[in-house]
Amino acid sequence: CVASGRTFSSYAMGWFRRSPGKEREFVAAILSNGGRTDYADTVK
């Protein structure tokens, strides 16, 4: 995922996914400096 923006480094980033018939589901996230991450149990 490539971002265009003046303050990208200040944003936490996440990945989500959506399958037919399902709500959008959290997959993973990362802190702005990359120092902390979080994962859904299904993908850990």
PDB file of all heavy atoms in Angstrom:
ATOM      1  N   CYS A   1       0.861  -1.168   0.000  1.00  0.00           N
ATOM      2  CA  CYS A   1       0.000   0.000   0.000  1.00  0.00           C
ATOM      3  C   CYS A   1       0.900   1.221   0.000  1.00  0.00           C
ATOM      4  O   CYS A   1       1.690   1.410   0.930  1.00  0.00           O
ATOM      5  CB  CYS A   1      -0.921  -0.009   1.221  1.00  0.00           C
ATOM      6  SG  CYS A   1      -1.940   1.462   1.418  1.00  0.00           S
ATOM      7  N   VAL A   2       0.784   2.017  -1.032  1.00  0.00           N
ATOM      8  CA  VAL A   2       1.590   3.220  -1.164  1.00  0.00           C
ATOM      9  C   VAL A   2       0.703   4.434  -0.921  1.00  0.00           C
ATOM     10  O   VAL A   2      -0.377   4.548  -1.504  1.00  0.00           O
ATOM     11  CB  VAL A   2       2.246   3.308  -2.549  1.00  0.00           C
ATOM     12  CG1 VAL A   2       3.065   4.592  -2.666  1.00  0.00           C
ATOM     13  CG2 VAL A   2       3.137   2.100  -2.790  1.00  0.00           C
ATOM     14  N   ALA A   3       1.166   5.316  -0.073  1.00  0.00           N
ATOM     15  CA  ALA A   3       0.401   6.488   0.318  1.00  0.00           C
ATOM     16  C   ALA A   3       0.983   7.748  -0.287  1.00  0.00           C
ATOM     17  O   ALA A   3       2.208   7.894  -0.395  1.00  0.00           O
ATOM     18  CB  ALA A   3       0.362   6.623   1.831  1.00  0.00           C
ATOM     19  N   SER A   4       0.096   8.636  -0.649  1.00  0.00           N
ATOM     20  CA  SER A   4       0.473   9.986  -1.044  1.00  0.00           C
ATOM     21  C   SER A   4      -0.133  10.938  -0.032  1.00  0.00           C
ATOM     22  O   SER A   4      -1.359  11.004   0.109  1.00  0.00           O
ATOM     23  CB  SER A   4      -0.032  10.317  -2.442  1.00  0.00           C
ATOM     24  OG  SER A   4       0.549   9.463  -3.412  1.00  0.00           O
ATOM     25  N   GLY A   5       0.716  11.652   0.671  1.00  0.00           N
ATOM     26  CA  GLY A   5       0.222  12.564   1.679  1.00  0.00           C
ATOM     27  C   GLY A   5       1.361  13.229   2.412  1.00  0.00           C
ATOM     28  O   GLY A   5       2.457  12.670   2.517  1.00  0.00           O
ATOM     29  N   ARG A   6       1.081  14.372   2.938  1.00  0.00           N
ATOM     30  CA  ARG A   6       2.137  15.163   3.559  1.00  0.00           C
ATOM     31  C   ARG A   6       2.513  14.694   4.951  1.00  0.00           C
ATOM     32  O   ARG A   6       3.593  15.036   5.437  1.00  0.00           O
ATOM     33  CB  ARG A   6       1.708  16.624   3.601  1.00  0.00           C
ATOM     34  CG  ARG A   6       0.418  16.885   4.361  1.00  0.00           C
ATOM     35  CD  ARG A   6      -0.035  18.323   4.164  1.00  0.00           C
ATOM     36  NE  ARG A   6      -1.275  18.609   4.857  1.00  0.00           N
ATOM     37  CZ  ARG A   6      -2.477  18.374   4.358  1.00  0.00           C
ATOM     38  NH1 ARG A   6      -2.601  17.849   3.147  1.00  0.00           N
ATOM     39  NH2 ARG A   6      -3.565  18.661   5.064  1.00  0.00           N
ATOM     40  N   THR A   7       1.638  13.934   5.597  1.00  0.00           N
ATOM     41  CA  THR A   7       1.890  13.501   6.965  1.00  0.00           C
ATOM     42  C   THR A   7       1.702  12.001   7.142  1.00  0.00           C
ATOM     43  O   THR A   7       1.219  11.550   8.176  1.00  0.00           O
ATOM     44  CB  THR A   7       0.984  14.257   7.950  1.00  0.00           C
ATOM     45  OG1 THR A   7      -0.386  14.062   7.592  1.00  0.00           O
ATOM     46  CG2 THR A   7       1.316  15.733   7.980  1.00  0.00           C
ATOM     47  N   PHE A   8       2.110  11.212   6.146  1.00  0.00           N
ATOM     48  CA  PHE A   8       1.932   9.770   6.216  1.00  0.00           C
ATOM     49  C   PHE A   8       2.538   9.175   7.476  1.00  0.00           C
ATOM     50  O   PHE A   8       1.943   8.303   8.114  1.00  0.00           O
ATOM     51  CB  PHE A   8       2.545   9.103   4.982  1.00  0.00           C
ATOM     52  CG  PHE A   8       2.603   7.604   5.092  1.00  0.00           C
ATOM     53  CD1 PHE A   8       1.470   6.842   4.872  1.00  0.00           C
ATOM     54  CD2 PHE A   8       3.790   6.967   5.417  1.00  0.00           C
ATOM     55  CE1 PHE A   8       1.513   5.455   4.974  1.00  0.00           C
ATOM     56  CE2 PHE A   8       3.845   5.589   5.522  1.00  0.00           C
ATOM     57  CZ  PHE A   8       2.701   4.828   5.298  1.00  0.00           C
ATOM     58  N   SER A   9       3.722   9.632   7.840  1.00  0.00           N
ATOM     59  CA  SER A   9       4.433   9.026   8.955  1.00  0.00           C
ATOM     60  C   SER A   9       3.734   9.234  10.292  1.00  0.00           C
ATOM     61  O   SER A   9       4.074   8.558  11.270  1.00  0.00           O
ATOM     62  CB  SER A   9       5.864   9.561   9.031  1.00  0.00           C
ATOM     63  OG  SER A   9       5.872  10.958   9.273  1.00  0.00           O
ATOM     64  N   SER A  10       2.774  10.119  10.361  1.00  0.00           N
ATOM     65  CA  SER A  10       2.045  10.360  11.598  1.00  0.00           C
ATOM     66  C   SER A  10       0.816   9.472  11.751  1.00  0.00           C
ATOM     67  O   SER A  10       0.160   9.511  12.791  1.00  0.00           O
ATOM     68  CB  SER A  10       1.625  11.830  11.691  1.00  0.00           C
ATOM     69  OG  SER A  10       0.638  12.143  10.731  1.00  0.00           O
ATOM     70  N   TYR A  11       0.496   8.673  10.740  1.00  0.00           N
ATOM     71  CA  TYR A  11      -0.701   7.834  10.759  1.00  0.00           C
ATOM     72  C   TYR A  11      -0.377   6.401  11.143  1.00  0.00           C
ATOM     73  O   TYR A  11       0.592   5.816  10.653  1.00  0.00           O
ATOM     74  CB  TYR A  11      -1.360   7.817   9.378  1.00  0.00           C
ATOM     75  CG  TYR A  11      -2.122   9.067   9.029  1.00  0.00           C
ATOM     76  CD1 TYR A  11      -1.464  10.204   8.583  1.00  0.00           C
ATOM     77  CD2 TYR A  11      -3.505   9.098   9.139  1.00  0.00           C
ATOM     78  CE1 TYR A  11      -2.163  11.350   8.265  1.00  0.00           C
ATOM     79  CE2 TYR A  11      -4.211  10.238   8.817  1.00  0.00           C
ATOM     80  CZ  TYR A  11      -3.539  11.366   8.377  1.00  0.00           C
ATOM     81  OH  TYR A  11      -4.245  12.493   8.049  1.00  0.00           O
ATOM     82  N   ALA A  12      -1.208   5.850  12.015  1.00  0.00           N
ATOM     83  CA  ALA A  12      -1.256   4.405  12.133  1.00  0.00           C
ATOM     84  C   ALA A  12      -1.912   3.844  10.875  1.00  0.00           C
ATOM     85  O   ALA A  12      -2.770   4.496  10.270  1.00  0.00           O
ATOM     86  CB  ALA A  12      -2.048   3.989  13.371  1.00  0.00           C
ATOM     87  N   MET A  13      -1.498   2.655  10.487  1.00  0.00           N
ATOM     88  CA  MET A  13      -2.024   2.030   9.283  1.00  0.00           C
ATOM     89  C   MET A  13      -2.630   0.682   9.612  1.00  0.00           C
ATOM     90  O   MET A  13      -2.151  -0.032  10.495  1.00  0.00           O
ATOM     91  CB  MET A  13      -0.919   1.856   8.240  1.00  0.00           C
ATOM     92  CG  MET A  13      -0.277   3.148   7.782  1.00  0.00           C
ATOM     93  SD  MET A  13      -1.422   4.222   6.865  1.00  0.00           S
ATOM     94  CE  MET A  13      -1.786   3.185   5.438  1.00  0.00           C
ATOM     95  N   GLY A  14      -3.664   0.351   8.888  1.00  0.00           N
ATOM     96  CA  GLY A  14      -4.318  -0.925   9.097  1.00  0.00           C
ATOM     97  C   GLY A  14      -4.623  -1.629   7.795  1.00  0.00           C
ATOM     98  O   GLY A  14      -4.693  -1.006   6.730  1.00  0.00           O
ATOM     99  N   TRP A  15      -4.773  -2.930   7.890  1.00  0.00           N
ATOM    100  CA  TRP A  15      -5.279  -3.760   6.805  1.00  0.00           C
ATOM    101  C   TRP A  15      -6.604  -4.378   7.241  1.00  0.00           C
ATOM    102  O   TRP A  15      -6.715  -4.892   8.359  1.00  0.00           O
ATOM    103  CB  TRP A  15      -4.304  -4.874   6.422  1.00  0.00           C
ATOM    104  CG  TRP A  15      -3.103  -4.414   5.664  1.00  0.00           C
ATOM    105  CD1 TRP A  15      -1.874  -4.133   6.162  1.00  0.00           C
ATOM    106  CD2 TRP A  15      -3.030  -4.200   4.256  1.00  0.00           C
ATOM    107  NE1 TRP A  15      -1.030  -3.753   5.156  1.00  0.00           N
ATOM    108  CE2 TRP A  15      -1.705  -3.782   3.970  1.00  0.00           C
ATOM    109  CE3 TRP A  15      -3.931  -4.313   3.201  1.00  0.00           C
ATOM    110  CZ2 TRP A  15      -1.270  -3.487   2.682  1.00  0.00           C
ATOM    111  CZ3 TRP A  15      -3.508  -4.012   1.914  1.00  0.00           C
ATOM    112  CH2 TRP A  15      -2.197  -3.607   1.669  1.00  0.00           C
ATOM    113  N   PHE A  16      -7.574  -4.309   6.351  1.00  0.00           N
ATOM    114  CA  PHE A  16      -8.884  -4.906   6.558  1.00  0.00           C
ATOM    115  C   PHE A  16      -9.227  -5.759   5.352  1.00  0.00           C
ATOM    116  O   PHE A  16      -8.629  -5.610   4.283  1.00  0.00           O
ATOM    117  CB  PHE A  16      -9.953  -3.827   6.755  1.00  0.00           C
ATOM    118  CG  PHE A  16      -9.772  -3.017   8.010  1.00  0.00           C
ATOM    119  CD1 PHE A  16      -8.851  -1.986   8.063  1.00  0.00           C
ATOM    120  CD2 PHE A  16     -10.532  -3.286   9.135  1.00  0.00           C
ATOM    121  CE1 PHE A  16      -8.678  -1.236   9.214  1.00  0.00           C
ATOM    122  CE2 PHE A  16     -10.378  -2.545  10.294  1.00  0.00           C
ATOM    123  CZ  PHE A  16      -9.447  -1.524  10.334  1.00  0.00           C
ATOM    124  N   ARG A  17     -10.191  -6.621   5.520  1.00  0.00           N
ATOM    125  CA  ARG A  17     -10.635  -7.419   4.388  1.00  0.00           C
ATOM    126  C   ARG A  17     -12.143  -7.606   4.444  1.00  0.00           C
ATOM    127  O   ARG A  17     -12.759  -7.533   5.502  1.00  0.00           O
ATOM    128  CB  ARG A  17      -9.934  -8.782   4.347  1.00  0.00           C
ATOM    129  CG  ARG A  17     -10.250  -9.702   5.522  1.00  0.00           C
ATOM    130  CD  ARG A  17      -9.351 -10.925   5.484  1.00  0.00           C
ATOM    131  NE  ARG A  17      -9.671 -11.871   6.542  1.00  0.00           N
ATOM    132  CZ  ARG A  17      -8.968 -12.962   6.801  1.00  0.00           C
ATOM    133  NH1 ARG A  17      -7.894 -13.246   6.069  1.00  0.00           N
ATOM    134  NH2 ARG A  17      -9.338 -13.773   7.785  1.00  0.00           N
ATOM    135  N   ARG A  18     -12.708  -7.857   3.270  1.00  0.00           N
ATOM    136  CA  ARG A  18     -14.143  -8.058   3.182  1.00  0.00           C
ATOM    137  C   ARG A  18     -14.449  -9.165   2.185  1.00  0.00           C
ATOM    138  O   ARG A  18     -14.002  -9.109   1.043  1.00  0.00           O
ATOM    139  CB  ARG A  18     -14.859  -6.777   2.776  1.00  0.00           C
ATOM    140  CG  ARG A  18     -16.365  -6.878   2.885  1.00  0.00           C
ATOM    141  CD  ARG A  18     -17.011  -5.533   2.714  1.00  0.00           C
ATOM    142  NE  ARG A  18     -18.427  -5.572   3.043  1.00  0.00           N
ATOM    143  CZ  ARG A  18     -19.201  -4.520   3.104  1.00  0.00           C
ATOM    144  NH1 ARG A  18     -18.703  -3.308   2.864  1.00  0.00           N
ATOM    145  NH2 ARG A  18     -20.486  -4.658   3.410  1.00  0.00           N
ATOM    146  N   SER A  19     -15.208 -10.142   2.631  1.00  0.00           N
ATOM    147  CA  SER A  19     -15.664 -11.241   1.799  1.00  0.00           C
ATOM    148  C   SER A  19     -17.156 -11.071   1.549  1.00  0.00           C
ATOM    149  O   SER A  19     -17.859 -10.434   2.341  1.00  0.00           O
ATOM    150  CB  SER A  19     -15.405 -12.584   2.476  1.00  0.00           C
ATOM    151  OG  SER A  19     -14.028 -12.782   2.720  1.00  0.00           O
ATOM    152  N   PRO A  20     -17.664 -11.649   0.470  1.00  0.00           N
ATOM    153  CA  PRO A  20     -19.100 -11.565   0.208  1.00  0.00           C
ATOM    154  C   PRO A  20     -19.919 -12.071   1.385  1.00  0.00           C
ATOM    155  O   PRO A  20     -19.643 -13.133   1.948  1.00  0.00           O
ATOM    156  CB  PRO A  20     -19.291 -12.459  -1.020  1.00  0.00           C
ATOM    157  CG  PRO A  20     -17.973 -12.408  -1.712  1.00  0.00           C
ATOM    158  CD  PRO A  20     -16.951 -12.355  -0.607  1.00  0.00           C
ATOM    159  N   GLY A  21     -20.903 -11.290   1.778  1.00  0.00           N
ATOM    160  CA  GLY A  21     -21.768 -11.668   2.872  1.00  0.00           C
ATOM    161  C   GLY A  21     -21.215 -11.398   4.255  1.00  0.00           C
ATOM    162  O   GLY A  21     -21.869 -11.736   5.251  1.00  0.00           O
ATOM    163  N   LYS A  22     -20.038 -10.806   4.346  1.00  0.00           N
ATOM    164  CA  LYS A  22     -19.426 -10.522   5.633  1.00  0.00           C
ATOM    165  C   LYS A  22     -19.194  -9.030   5.821  1.00  0.00           C
ATOM    166  O   LYS A  22     -19.076  -8.271   4.860  1.00  0.00           O
ATOM    167  CB  LYS A  22     -18.080 -11.241   5.764  1.00  0.00           C
ATOM    168  CG  LYS A  22     -18.159 -12.751   5.878  1.00  0.00           C
ATOM    169  CD  LYS A  22     -16.777 -13.331   6.126  1.00  0.00           C
ATOM    170  CE  LYS A  22     -16.811 -14.823   6.343  1.00  0.00           C
ATOM    171  NZ  LYS A  22     -15.448 -15.369   6.597  1.00  0.00           N
ATOM    172  N   GLU A  23     -19.118  -8.629   7.080  1.00  0.00           N
ATOM    173  CA  GLU A  23     -18.712  -7.278   7.412  1.00  0.00           C
ATOM    174  C   GLU A  23     -17.223  -7.115   7.150  1.00  0.00           C
ATOM    175  O   GLU A  23     -16.469  -8.092   7.110  1.00  0.00           O
ATOM    176  CB  GLU A  23     -19.007  -6.975   8.881  1.00  0.00           C
ATOM    177  CG  GLU A  23     -20.468  -7.070   9.273  1.00  0.00           C
ATOM    178  CD  GLU A  23     -21.275  -5.917   8.741  1.00  0.00           C
ATOM    179  OE1 GLU A  23     -20.687  -4.851   8.463  1.00  0.00           O
ATOM    180  OE2 GLU A  23     -22.494  -6.071   8.592  1.00  0.00           O
ATOM    181  N   ARG A  24     -16.827  -5.888   6.959  1.00  0.00           N
ATOM    182  CA  ARG A  24     -15.404  -5.621   6.831  1.00  0.00           C
ATOM    183  C   ARG A  24     -14.689  -6.034   8.116  1.00  0.00           C
ATOM    184  O   ARG A  24     -15.095  -5.665   9.221  1.00  0.00           O
ATOM    185  CB  ARG A  24     -15.171  -4.146   6.528  1.00  0.00           C
ATOM    186  CG  ARG A  24     -13.734  -3.819   6.182  1.00  0.00           C
ATOM    187  CD  ARG A  24     -13.613  -2.431   5.587  1.00  0.00           C
ATOM    188  NE  ARG A  24     -14.325  -2.327   4.315  1.00  0.00           N
ATOM    189  CZ  ARG A  24     -14.256  -1.280   3.508  1.00  0.00           C
ATOM    190  NH1 ARG A  24     -13.508  -0.238   3.824  1.00  0.00           N
ATOM    191  NH2 ARG A  24     -14.958  -1.267   2.381  1.00  0.00           N
ATOM    192  N   GLU A  25     -13.624  -6.786   7.973  1.00  0.00           N
ATOM    193  CA  GLU A  25     -12.959  -7.447   9.078  1.00  0.00           C
ATOM    194  C   GLU A  25     -11.554  -6.903   9.272  1.00  0.00           C
ATOM    195  O   GLU A  25     -10.783  -6.775   8.319  1.00  0.00           O
ATOM    196  CB  GLU A  25     -12.905  -8.958   8.808  1.00  0.00           C
ATOM    197  CG  GLU A  25     -12.160  -9.776   9.839  1.00  0.00           C
ATOM    198  CD  GLU A  25     -11.976 -11.212   9.414  1.00  0.00           C
ATOM    199  OE1 GLU A  25     -12.065 -11.493   8.197  1.00  0.00           O
ATOM    200  OE2 GLU A  25     -11.758 -12.071  10.283  1.00  0.00           O
ATOM    201  N   PHE A  26     -11.212  -6.625  10.507  1.00  0.00           N
ATOM    202  CA  PHE A  26      -9.859  -6.213  10.842  1.00  0.00           C
ATOM    203  C   PHE A  26      -8.882  -7.346  10.605  1.00  0.00           C
ATOM    204  O   PHE A  26      -9.149  -8.504  10.945  1.00  0.00           O
ATOM    205  CB  PHE A  26      -9.800  -5.781  12.311  1.00  0.00           C
ATOM    206  CG  PHE A  26      -8.416  -5.574  12.829  1.00  0.00           C
ATOM    207  CD1 PHE A  26      -7.706  -4.420  12.529  1.00  0.00           C
ATOM    208  CD2 PHE A  26      -7.806  -6.531  13.622  1.00  0.00           C
ATOM    209  CE1 PHE A  26      -6.426  -4.224  13.009  1.00  0.00           C
ATOM    210  CE2 PHE A  26      -6.528  -6.350  14.110  1.00  0.00           C
ATOM    211  CZ  PHE A  26      -5.841  -5.196  13.797  1.00  0.00           C
ATOM    212  N   VAL A  27      -7.730  -7.010  10.051  1.00  0.00           N
ATOM    213  CA  VAL A  27      -6.680  -7.985   9.806  1.00  0.00           C
ATOM    214  C   VAL A  27      -5.433  -7.670  10.627  1.00  0.00           C
ATOM    215  O   VAL A  27      -4.950  -8.507  11.390  1.00  0.00           O
ATOM    216  CB  VAL A  27      -6.307  -8.050   8.315  1.00  0.00           C
ATOM    217  CG1 VAL A  27      -5.144  -9.020   8.096  1.00  0.00           C
ATOM    218  CG2 VAL A  27      -7.523  -8.473   7.488  1.00  0.00           C
ATOM    219  N   ALA A  28      -4.910  -6.462  10.473  1.00  0.00           N
ATOM    220  CA  ALA A  28      -3.669  -6.088  11.150  1.00  0.00           C
ATOM    221  C   ALA A  28      -3.544  -4.581  11.177  1.00  0.00           C
ATOM    222  O   ALA A  28      -4.126  -3.877  10.349  1.00  0.00           O
ATOM    223  CB  ALA A  28      -2.454  -6.706  10.449  1.00  0.00           C
ATOM    224  N   ALA A  29      -2.765  -4.080  12.126  1.00  0.00           N
ATOM    225  CA  ALA A  29      -2.504  -2.650  12.221  1.00  0.00           C
ATOM    226  C   ALA A  29      -1.098  -2.428  12.743  1.00  0.00           C
ATOM    227  O   ALA A  29      -0.511  -3.304  13.394  1.00  0.00           O
ATOM    228  CB  ALA A  29      -3.526  -1.967  13.126  1.00  0.00           C
ATOM    229  N   ILE A  30      -0.581  -1.244  12.470  1.00  0.00           N
ATOM    230  CA  ILE A  30       0.774  -0.912  12.877  1.00  0.00           C
ATOM    231  C   ILE A  30       0.835   0.551  13.285  1.00  0.00           C
ATOM    232  O   ILE A  30       0.210   1.416  12.663  1.00  0.00           O
ATOM    233  CB  ILE A  30       1.775  -1.235  11.741  1.00  0.00           C
ATOM    234  CG1 ILE A  30       3.217  -1.086  12.212  1.00  0.00           C
ATOM    235  CG2 ILE A  30       1.496  -0.379  10.503  1.00  0.00           C
ATOM    236  CD1 ILE A  30       4.230  -1.705  11.244  1.00  0.00           C
ATOM    237  N   LEU A  31       1.598   0.822  14.321  1.00  0.00           N
ATOM    238  CA  LEU A  31       1.774   2.173  14.824  1.00  0.00           C
ATOM    239  C   LEU A  31       2.509   3.030  13.802  1.00  0.00           C
ATOM    240  O   LEU A  31       3.186   2.515  12.901  1.00  0.00           O
ATOM    241  CB  LEU A  31       2.549   2.133  16.142  1.00  0.00           C
ATOM    242  CG  LEU A  31       2.509   3.348  17.062  1.00  0.00           C
ATOM    243  CD1 LEU A  31       1.108   3.555  17.619  1.00  0.00           C
ATOM    244  CD2 LEU A  31       3.519   3.185  18.192  1.00  0.00           C
ATOM    245  N   SER A  32       2.391   4.330  13.942  1.00  0.00           N
ATOM    246  CA  SER A  32       2.984   5.244  12.972  1.00  0.00           C
ATOM    247  C   SER A  32       4.482   5.047  12.812  1.00  0.00           C
ATOM    248  O   SER A  32       5.009   5.185  11.701  1.00  0.00           O
ATOM    249  CB  SER A  32       2.680   6.695  13.362  1.00  0.00           C
ATOM    250  OG  SER A  32       3.194   6.998  14.646  1.00  0.00           O
ATOM    251  N   ASN A  33       5.172   4.725  13.903  1.00  0.00           N
ATOM    252  CA  ASN A  33       6.610   4.499  13.830  1.00  0.00           C
ATOM    253  C   ASN A  33       6.983   3.032  13.661  1.00  0.00           C
ATOM    254  O   ASN A  33       8.165   2.692  13.687  1.00  0.00           O
ATOM    255  CB  ASN A  33       7.310   5.079  15.057  1.00  0.00           C
ATOM    256  CG  ASN A  33       6.927   4.375  16.346  1.00  0.00           C
ATOM    257  OD1 ASN A  33       6.166   3.424  16.344  1.00  0.00           O
ATOM    258  ND2 ASN A  33       7.467   4.861  17.460  1.00  0.00           N
ATOM    259  N   GLY A  34       6.000   2.178  13.504  1.00  0.00           N
ATOM    260  CA  GLY A  34       6.244   0.763  13.316  1.00  0.00           C
ATOM    261  C   GLY A  34       6.583  -0.002  14.570  1.00  0.00           C
ATOM    262  O   GLY A  34       6.884  -1.200  14.496  1.00  0.00           O
ATOM    263  N   GLY A  35       6.517   0.639  15.726  1.00  0.00           N
ATOM    264  CA  GLY A  35       6.955   0.013  16.958  1.00  0.00           C
ATOM    265  C   GLY A  35       5.973  -0.940  17.605  1.00  0.00           C
ATOM    266  O   GLY A  35       6.355  -1.695  18.496  1.00  0.00           O
ATOM    267  N   ARG A  36       4.731  -0.914  17.198  1.00  0.00           N
ATOM    268  CA  ARG A  36       3.723  -1.789  17.774  1.00  0.00           C
ATOM    269  C   ARG A  36       2.788  -2.270  16.674  1.00  0.00           C
ATOM    270  O   ARG A  36       2.441  -1.511  15.768  1.00  0.00           O
ATOM    271  CB  ARG A  36       2.938  -1.063  18.865  1.00  0.00           C
ATOM    272  CG  ARG A  36       1.916  -1.925  19.586  1.00  0.00           C
ATOM    273  CD  ARG A  36       1.522  -1.298  20.916  1.00  0.00           C
ATOM    274  NE  ARG A  36       0.856  -0.014  20.758  1.00  0.00           N
ATOM    275  CZ  ARG A  36      -0.463   0.143  20.650  1.00  0.00           C
ATOM    276  NH1 ARG A  36      -1.273  -0.908  20.695  1.00  0.00           N
ATOM    277  NH2 ARG A  36      -0.970   1.356  20.514  1.00  0.00           N
ATOM    278  N   THR A  37       2.406  -3.519  16.778  1.00  0.00           N
ATOM    279  CA  THR A  37       1.501  -4.116  15.803  1.00  0.00           C
ATOM    280  C   THR A  37       0.373  -4.841  16.514  1.00  0.00           C
ATOM    281  O   THR A  37       0.453  -5.167  17.697  1.00  0.00           O
ATOM    282  CB  THR A  37       2.234  -5.100  14.884  1.00  0.00           C
ATOM    283  OG1 THR A  37       2.868  -6.115  15.678  1.00  0.00           O
ATOM    284  CG2 THR A  37       3.298  -4.383  14.063  1.00  0.00           C
ATOM    285  N   ASP A  38      -0.683  -5.099  15.764  1.00  0.00           N
ATOM    286  CA  ASP A  38      -1.836  -5.812  16.274  1.00  0.00           C
ATOM    287  C   ASP A  38      -2.368  -6.687  15.148  1.00  0.00           C
ATOM    288  O   ASP A  38      -2.379  -6.267  13.989  1.00  0.00           O
ATOM    289  CB  ASP A  38      -2.903  -4.825  16.748  1.00  0.00           C
ATOM    290  CG  ASP A  38      -4.071  -5.499  17.453  1.00  0.00           C
ATOM    291  OD1 ASP A  38      -3.874  -6.580  18.037  1.00  0.00           O
ATOM    292  OD2 ASP A  38      -5.174  -4.924  17.427  1.00  0.00           O
ATOM    293  N   TYR A  39      -2.812  -7.902  15.497  1.00  0.00           N
ATOM    294  CA  TYR A  39      -3.295  -8.849  14.505  1.00  0.00           C
ATOM    295  C   TYR A  39      -4.593  -9.492  14.951  1.00  0.00           C
ATOM    296  O   TYR A  39      -4.787  -9.768  16.138  1.00  0.00           O
ATOM    297  CB  TYR A  39      -2.275  -9.966  14.267  1.00  0.00           C
ATOM    298  CG  TYR A  39      -0.969  -9.508  13.693  1.00  0.00           C
ATOM    299  CD1 TYR A  39       0.099  -9.190  14.516  1.00  0.00           C
ATOM    300  CD2 TYR A  39      -0.807  -9.394  12.317  1.00  0.00           C
ATOM    301  CE1 TYR A  39       1.309  -8.772  13.987  1.00  0.00           C
ATOM    302  CE2 TYR A  39       0.399  -8.974  11.779  1.00  0.00           C
ATOM    303  CZ  TYR A  39       1.449  -8.665  12.616  1.00  0.00           C
ATOM    304  OH  TYR A  39       2.649  -8.252  12.081  1.00  0.00           O
ATOM    305  N   ALA A  40      -5.446  -9.743  13.993  1.00  0.00           N
ATOM    306  CA  ALA A  40      -6.609 -10.568  14.268  1.00  0.00           C
ATOM    307  C   ALA A  40      -6.165 -11.991  14.584  1.00  0.00           C
ATOM    308  O   ALA A  40      -5.168 -12.482  14.047  1.00  0.00           O
ATOM    309  CB  ALA A  40      -7.550 -10.572  13.066  1.00  0.00           C
ATOM    310  N   ASP A  41      -6.917 -12.653  15.454  1.00  0.00           N
ATOM    311  CA  ASP A  41      -6.558 -14.017  15.838  1.00  0.00           C
ATOM    312  C   ASP A  41      -6.503 -14.953  14.632  1.00  0.00           C
ATOM    313  O   ASP A  41      -5.715 -15.904  14.616  1.00  0.00           O
ATOM    314  CB  ASP A  41      -7.562 -14.557  16.858  1.00  0.00           C
ATOM    315  CG  ASP A  41      -7.423 -13.906  18.216  1.00  0.00           C
ATOM    316  OD1 ASP A  41      -6.373 -13.290  18.484  1.00  0.00           O
ATOM    317  OD2 ASP A  41      -8.367 -14.021  19.019  1.00  0.00           O
ATOM    318  N   THR A  42      -7.318 -14.689  13.643  1.00  0.00           N
ATOM    319  CA  THR A  42      -7.390 -15.561  12.481  1.00  0.00           C
ATOM    320  C   THR A  42      -6.131 -15.540  11.626  1.00  0.00           C
ATOM    321  O   THR A  42      -5.925 -16.446  10.816  1.00  0.00           O
ATOM    322  CB  THR A  42      -8.589 -15.179  11.604  1.00  0.00           C
ATOM    323  OG1 THR A  42      -8.558 -13.778  11.333  1.00  0.00           O
ATOM    324  CG2 THR A  42      -9.896 -15.534  12.298  1.00  0.00           C
ATOM    325  N   VAL A  43      -5.297 -14.518  11.784  1.00  0.00           N
ATOM    326  CA  VAL A  43      -4.108 -14.406  10.945  1.00  0.00           C
ATOM    327  C   VAL A  43      -2.810 -14.416  11.737  1.00  0.00           C
ATOM    328  O   VAL A  43      -1.725 -14.423  11.130  1.00  0.00           O
ATOM    329  CB  VAL A  43      -4.159 -13.143  10.066  1.00  0.00           C
ATOM    330  CG1 VAL A  43      -5.452 -13.104   9.260  1.00  0.00           C
ATOM    331  CG2 VAL A  43      -4.002 -11.879  10.896  1.00  0.00           C
ATOM    332  N   LYS A  44      -2.877 -14.434  13.053  1.00  0.00           N
ATOM    333  CA  LYS A  44      -1.660 -14.445  13.866  1.00  0.00           C
ATOM    334  C   LYS A  44      -0.791 -15.642  13.513  1.00  0.00           C
ATOM    335  O   LYS A  44      -1.269 -16.757  13.378  1.00  0.00           O
ATOM    336  CB  LYS A  44      -2.009 -14.484  15.347  1.00  0.00           C
ATOM    337  CG  LYS A  44      -2.484 -13.164  15.908  1.00  0.00           C
ATOM    338  CD  LYS A  44      -2.785 -13.272  17.398  1.00  0.00           C
ATOM    339  CE  LYS A  44      -3.262 -11.953  17.961  1.00  0.00           C
ATOM    340  NZ  LYS A  44      -3.621 -12.073  19.392  1.00  0.00           N
TER     341      LYS A  44
END
